[in-house]
Protein backbone atom coordinates (compact mmCIF):
# COMPACT_ATOMS: atom_id res chain seq x y z
CA MET A 1 -3.55 14.01 -24.40
CA LYS A 2 -4.35 11.78 -21.42
CA ASP A 3 -3.36 13.09 -17.97
CA LEU A 4 -0.81 10.57 -16.67
CA ASN A 5 -2.00 11.18 -13.09
CA THR A 6 -5.50 9.94 -13.93
CA SER A 7 -6.58 6.31 -13.65
CA GLN A 8 -8.14 4.49 -16.57
CA THR A 9 -10.71 2.62 -14.49
CA GLY A 10 -13.62 5.07 -14.19
CA ALA A 11 -14.44 7.26 -11.21
CA PRO A 12 -11.51 7.35 -8.76
CA VAL A 13 -11.77 5.84 -5.30
CA ILE A 14 -8.87 8.06 -4.20
CA ALA A 15 -8.50 11.54 -5.68
CA ALA A 16 -5.82 14.08 -4.74
CA LYS A 17 -5.72 17.56 -6.27
CA ASP A 18 -2.86 20.05 -5.77
CA LEU A 19 -2.05 18.44 -2.42
CA ASN A 20 0.56 20.14 -0.24
CA LEU A 21 1.74 19.22 3.23
CA THR A 22 4.27 21.15 5.28
CA PHE A 23 5.46 20.01 8.69
CA GLN A 24 6.49 22.68 11.20
CA THR A 25 9.64 21.59 13.05
CA ASN A 26 12.15 23.19 15.41
CA ASP A 27 14.52 23.49 12.45
CA GLY A 28 11.94 25.22 10.31
CA PRO A 29 9.21 24.08 7.89
CA VAL A 30 9.60 20.77 6.03
CA HIS A 31 7.73 20.64 2.73
CA ALA A 32 6.82 16.94 2.55
CA LEU A 33 4.36 17.03 -0.38
CA LYS A 34 4.15 19.58 -3.18
CA ASP A 35 1.30 19.92 -5.71
CA VAL A 36 0.45 16.21 -5.74
CA THR A 37 -2.40 15.43 -8.12
CA LEU A 38 -3.36 11.78 -8.59
CA ASP A 39 -6.47 9.67 -9.18
CA ILE A 40 -6.57 5.97 -8.24
CA GLY A 41 -9.33 3.83 -9.71
CA LYS A 42 -11.19 0.91 -8.20
CA GLY A 43 -9.24 -2.34 -8.33
CA GLU A 44 -5.90 -0.76 -9.25
CA PHE A 45 -2.59 -1.80 -7.72
CA VAL A 46 -0.59 1.43 -7.48
CA SER A 47 2.96 1.47 -6.13
CA PHE A 48 4.78 4.57 -4.87
CA ILE A 49 8.55 4.60 -5.24
CA GLY A 50 11.18 7.22 -4.49
CA PRO A 51 14.11 7.96 -2.18
CA SER A 52 13.71 8.16 1.57
CA GLY A 53 11.97 11.36 2.61
CA CYS A 54 10.17 11.90 -0.71
CA GLY A 55 6.67 11.79 0.79
CA LYS A 56 5.56 8.26 -0.15
CA THR A 57 4.51 7.31 3.36
CA THR A 58 3.23 10.83 4.05
CA PHE A 59 0.87 10.53 1.09
CA LEU A 60 -0.37 7.16 2.34
CA ARG A 61 -0.89 8.61 5.81
CA THR A 62 -2.82 11.52 4.30
CA ILE A 63 -5.19 9.05 2.61
CA ALA A 64 -5.62 7.36 6.00
CA ASP A 65 -6.28 10.65 7.86
CA LEU A 66 -3.13 10.17 9.92
CA GLU A 67 -1.76 13.43 8.49
CA GLN A 68 -3.71 16.50 7.35
CA PRO A 69 -2.71 18.42 4.22
CA THR A 70 -1.71 22.07 4.41
CA SER A 71 -3.59 22.85 1.20
CA GLY A 72 -5.25 21.12 -1.71
CA ALA A 73 -7.88 18.39 -1.53
CA ILE A 74 -8.08 14.63 -1.15
CA THR A 75 -11.10 12.31 -1.12
CA VAL A 76 -11.51 8.61 -0.45
CA ASN A 77 -14.67 7.06 -1.90
CA ASP A 78 -15.91 10.66 -2.41
CA LEU A 79 -15.52 11.26 1.33
CA THR A 80 -13.02 13.28 3.32
CA PRO A 81 -10.24 11.12 4.77
CA ASP A 82 -11.79 11.62 8.23
CA ALA A 83 -15.19 10.40 7.04
CA ALA A 84 -13.58 7.52 5.13
CA ARG A 85 -11.72 6.47 8.28
CA ARG A 86 -14.94 6.49 10.26
CA ALA A 87 -16.60 4.48 7.48
CA ARG A 88 -13.76 1.92 7.69
CA ALA A 89 -12.97 2.38 4.02
CA TYR A 90 -9.46 0.94 4.22
CA GLY A 91 -7.11 -1.43 5.97
CA TYR A 92 -3.55 -0.33 6.74
CA VAL A 93 -0.44 -2.55 6.77
CA PHE A 94 2.60 -0.91 8.34
CA GLN A 95 6.32 -1.54 7.78
CA ALA A 96 6.48 -3.69 10.94
CA ALA A 97 3.86 -6.33 11.58
CA GLY A 98 2.93 -4.70 14.89
CA LEU A 99 1.40 -7.84 16.40
CA TYR A 100 0.75 -7.98 20.14
CA PRO A 101 3.03 -10.71 21.54
CA TRP A 102 0.56 -11.70 24.28
CA ARG A 103 -2.24 -12.39 21.79
CA THR A 104 -2.43 -15.41 19.53
CA ILE A 105 -2.47 -14.92 15.76
CA ALA A 106 -6.25 -15.29 15.78
CA GLY A 107 -6.44 -12.83 18.66
CA ASN A 108 -4.36 -10.28 16.77
CA VAL A 109 -6.41 -10.63 13.60
CA LYS A 110 -9.73 -10.28 15.42
CA LEU A 111 -8.66 -7.18 17.38
CA PRO A 112 -10.22 -4.63 14.98
CA LEU A 113 -13.37 -6.76 14.83
CA GLU A 114 -13.62 -6.65 18.63
CA ILE A 115 -13.21 -2.87 18.57
CA MET A 116 -15.87 -2.56 15.88
CA GLY A 117 -18.34 -4.65 17.88
CA TYR A 118 -18.75 -7.69 15.65
CA SER A 119 -20.38 -10.68 17.31
CA LYS A 120 -18.09 -13.46 18.49
CA SER A 121 -19.41 -15.87 15.86
CA GLU A 122 -18.76 -13.38 13.06
CA GLN A 123 -15.32 -12.59 14.46
CA ASP A 124 -14.43 -16.27 14.38
CA GLN A 125 -15.73 -16.72 10.83
CA ARG A 126 -13.93 -13.67 9.51
CA VAL A 127 -10.67 -14.69 11.19
CA LYS A 128 -10.98 -18.15 9.68
CA ASN A 129 -11.63 -16.71 6.21
CA VAL A 130 -8.75 -14.23 6.15
CA LEU A 131 -6.22 -16.65 7.64
CA GLU A 132 -7.09 -19.07 4.85
CA LEU A 133 -6.73 -16.20 2.37
CA VAL A 134 -3.15 -15.47 3.49
CA GLU A 135 -2.30 -19.18 3.87
CA LEU A 136 -2.07 -19.16 7.66
CA ALA A 137 -4.85 -21.64 8.41
CA GLY A 138 -3.72 -23.86 11.26
CA PHE A 139 -1.67 -21.13 12.95
CA GLU A 140 -4.58 -19.55 14.83
CA ARG A 141 -3.29 -20.55 18.26
CA LYS A 142 0.35 -19.68 17.66
CA PHE A 143 1.88 -16.55 19.13
CA PRO A 144 3.74 -14.03 16.94
CA TRP A 145 7.15 -15.03 18.31
CA GLN A 146 6.51 -18.57 17.06
CA LEU A 147 6.18 -17.39 13.45
CA SER A 148 8.77 -16.24 10.93
CA GLY A 149 8.95 -12.59 9.89
CA GLY A 150 7.16 -13.33 6.63
CA MET A 151 4.36 -15.17 8.40
CA GLN A 152 3.98 -12.30 10.85
CA GLN A 153 3.55 -9.89 7.94
CA ARG A 154 0.91 -12.18 6.43
CA ALA A 155 -0.89 -12.10 9.78
CA SER A 156 -0.69 -8.29 9.68
CA ILE A 157 -2.25 -8.34 6.19
CA ALA A 158 -4.98 -10.68 7.47
CA ARG A 159 -5.75 -8.22 10.27
CA ALA A 160 -6.08 -5.40 7.72
CA LEU A 161 -8.41 -7.57 5.62
CA ALA A 162 -10.55 -8.81 8.49
CA PHE A 163 -13.26 -6.16 8.19
CA ASP A 164 -13.27 -6.42 4.37
CA ALA A 165 -12.45 -2.82 3.44
CA ASP A 166 -12.25 -2.17 -0.30
CA ILE A 167 -8.93 -0.32 -0.05
CA LEU A 168 -5.66 -1.72 1.29
CA LEU A 169 -2.86 0.73 2.18
CA MET A 170 0.55 -0.95 2.50
CA ASP A 171 3.61 0.93 3.73
CA GLU A 172 6.67 -1.04 2.63
CA PRO A 173 5.47 -4.22 4.35
CA PHE A 174 8.21 -6.49 2.97
CA GLY A 175 11.21 -4.16 3.19
CA ALA A 176 12.86 -5.91 6.13
CA LEU A 177 12.55 -9.43 4.70
CA ASP A 178 15.15 -11.41 2.78
CA GLU A 179 14.84 -11.67 -0.99
CA ILE A 180 13.53 -15.24 -1.11
CA VAL A 181 10.76 -14.54 1.41
CA ARG A 182 9.99 -11.23 -0.27
CA ASP A 183 9.58 -12.91 -3.66
CA ARG A 184 7.15 -15.44 -2.23
CA LEU A 185 5.11 -12.76 -0.46
CA ASN A 186 5.00 -10.72 -3.67
CA GLU A 187 3.52 -13.75 -5.44
CA GLN A 188 1.01 -14.29 -2.64
CA LEU A 189 0.01 -10.63 -2.61
CA LEU A 190 -0.75 -10.72 -6.34
CA GLU A 191 -2.82 -13.86 -5.82
CA LEU A 192 -4.69 -12.20 -2.95
CA TRP A 193 -5.32 -9.08 -5.05
CA ALA A 194 -6.65 -11.20 -7.92
CA ARG A 195 -9.07 -13.00 -5.58
CA THR A 196 -10.29 -9.94 -3.68
CA GLN A 197 -10.17 -7.24 -6.40
CA LYS A 198 -9.26 -4.66 -3.75
CA THR A 199 -7.66 -1.32 -4.53
CA ILE A 200 -4.08 -1.44 -3.24
CA CYS A 201 -1.70 1.47 -2.58
CA PHE A 202 1.79 0.11 -1.94
CA VAL A 203 4.93 1.97 -0.82
CA THR A 204 8.30 0.45 -1.72
CA HIS A 205 11.96 1.32 -2.29
CA SER A 206 12.44 -1.65 -4.63
CA ILE A 207 12.20 -1.08 -8.39
CA PRO A 208 11.69 -4.81 -9.20
CA GLU A 209 8.96 -5.06 -6.55
CA ALA A 210 7.15 -1.99 -7.86
CA VAL A 211 7.27 -3.22 -11.45
CA TYR A 212 6.27 -6.78 -10.59
CA LEU A 213 3.24 -5.87 -8.47
CA SER A 214 1.70 -2.80 -10.04
CA THR A 215 -0.80 -1.75 -12.63
CA ARG A 216 0.67 1.76 -12.24
CA ILE A 217 3.89 3.03 -10.69
CA VAL A 218 4.07 6.52 -9.19
CA VAL A 219 7.64 7.85 -9.17
CA MET A 220 8.32 10.57 -6.58
CA SER A 221 11.16 13.07 -6.22
CA PRO A 222 13.25 13.99 -3.18
CA ARG A 223 11.77 16.55 -0.79
CA PRO A 224 9.61 18.40 -1.47
CA GLY A 225 7.77 15.24 -2.54
CA ARG A 226 6.45 15.61 -6.08
CA ILE A 227 5.23 13.15 -8.68
CA THR A 228 7.77 13.03 -11.50
CA ASP A 229 6.25 10.18 -13.51
CA VAL A 230 3.25 7.85 -13.53
CA ILE A 231 3.88 4.66 -15.46
CA ASP A 232 1.08 2.43 -16.75
CA SER A 233 2.20 -1.19 -16.77
CA PRO A 234 1.57 -3.22 -19.94
CA LEU A 235 2.30 -6.47 -18.09
CA PRO A 236 -0.50 -9.05 -17.80
CA ARG A 237 -2.17 -9.44 -14.40
CA GLN A 238 -1.00 -13.06 -14.22
CA ARG A 239 2.71 -12.58 -13.48
CA PRO A 240 5.09 -15.45 -12.74
CA LEU A 241 8.34 -14.37 -11.10
CA ASP A 242 10.33 -15.07 -14.27
CA ILE A 243 8.44 -12.25 -16.00
CA ARG A 244 11.20 -10.11 -14.45
CA ASP A 245 13.57 -11.44 -17.13
CA THR A 246 11.43 -10.26 -20.05
CA PRO A 247 12.25 -7.20 -22.18
CA GLU A 248 8.91 -5.59 -21.22
CA PHE A 249 9.72 -5.81 -17.51
CA ILE A 250 13.24 -4.51 -18.01
CA ASP A 251 11.95 -1.57 -20.08
CA ILE A 252 9.55 -0.51 -17.31
CA ALA A 253 12.27 -0.87 -14.66
CA HIS A 254 14.53 1.32 -16.80
CA ARG A 255 11.85 4.01 -17.04
CA VAL A 256 11.36 3.93 -13.25
CA ARG A 257 15.10 4.25 -12.74
CA GLU A 258 15.27 7.17 -15.16
CA GLY A 259 12.38 8.85 -13.34
CA LEU A 260 14.17 8.50 -10.02
CA ARG A 261 17.37 9.89 -11.52
CA ALA A 262 15.50 12.83 -13.07
CA GLY A 263 13.90 13.61 -9.70
CA HIS A 264 17.35 13.88 -8.12
CA LEU A 265 18.60 16.13 -10.93
CA ASP A 266 15.63 18.46 -10.42
CA ASP A 267 16.30 18.74 -6.69
């Protein structure tokens, strides 16, 4: 029988084995992740869904070397998270756009390129390319406060793409946006993924968003964060928004909902 935690796309670019993470707090230890085992293959779009505090963001931060596991192992491109960070293996998109208000959109996008020491000509070319990719060409000289929330998030995605890492880590980037804007950004993200073929790890609280975007959906339980189900999506990669009305989509959403309910019952 196939291990549901294993990707179907060859050697994993992200591999976690028996991962545990416990935070020490003034109120005692908090077991954020428990026995998490998961492989993510190249080019996959994997969403993580679960209630608040279930370890979704903690797992993403562990991949990014922003948190260190208490036990178990995790590799990124066969490297430790620390080595992968130093090798610039991934871009990270946070819940808030996090743009500097005193820098233009182009200035915000080129910030990591400046830090990494790219030449000015290459910075300009890369900024031009990624702003076109996220449909923000022509907004280079605008400041963040002159853009809508959705456009700011697209600028944040452009910044994460600027140095062309193969992996994109996204921590609920559209959670604060209204439904119409969120739908449009979901469509644009799928288009961007199709063009770039990047491996995407995406945290969300939205069942429809997880089902619409993903090749696989990882369902997590309340604390301590455990994987309760890994769902392979049978949906085609070309996904118009109205695919959400199909029986196939509804069946997957039902399985996700049942997995979330089962996780609560096990708590």
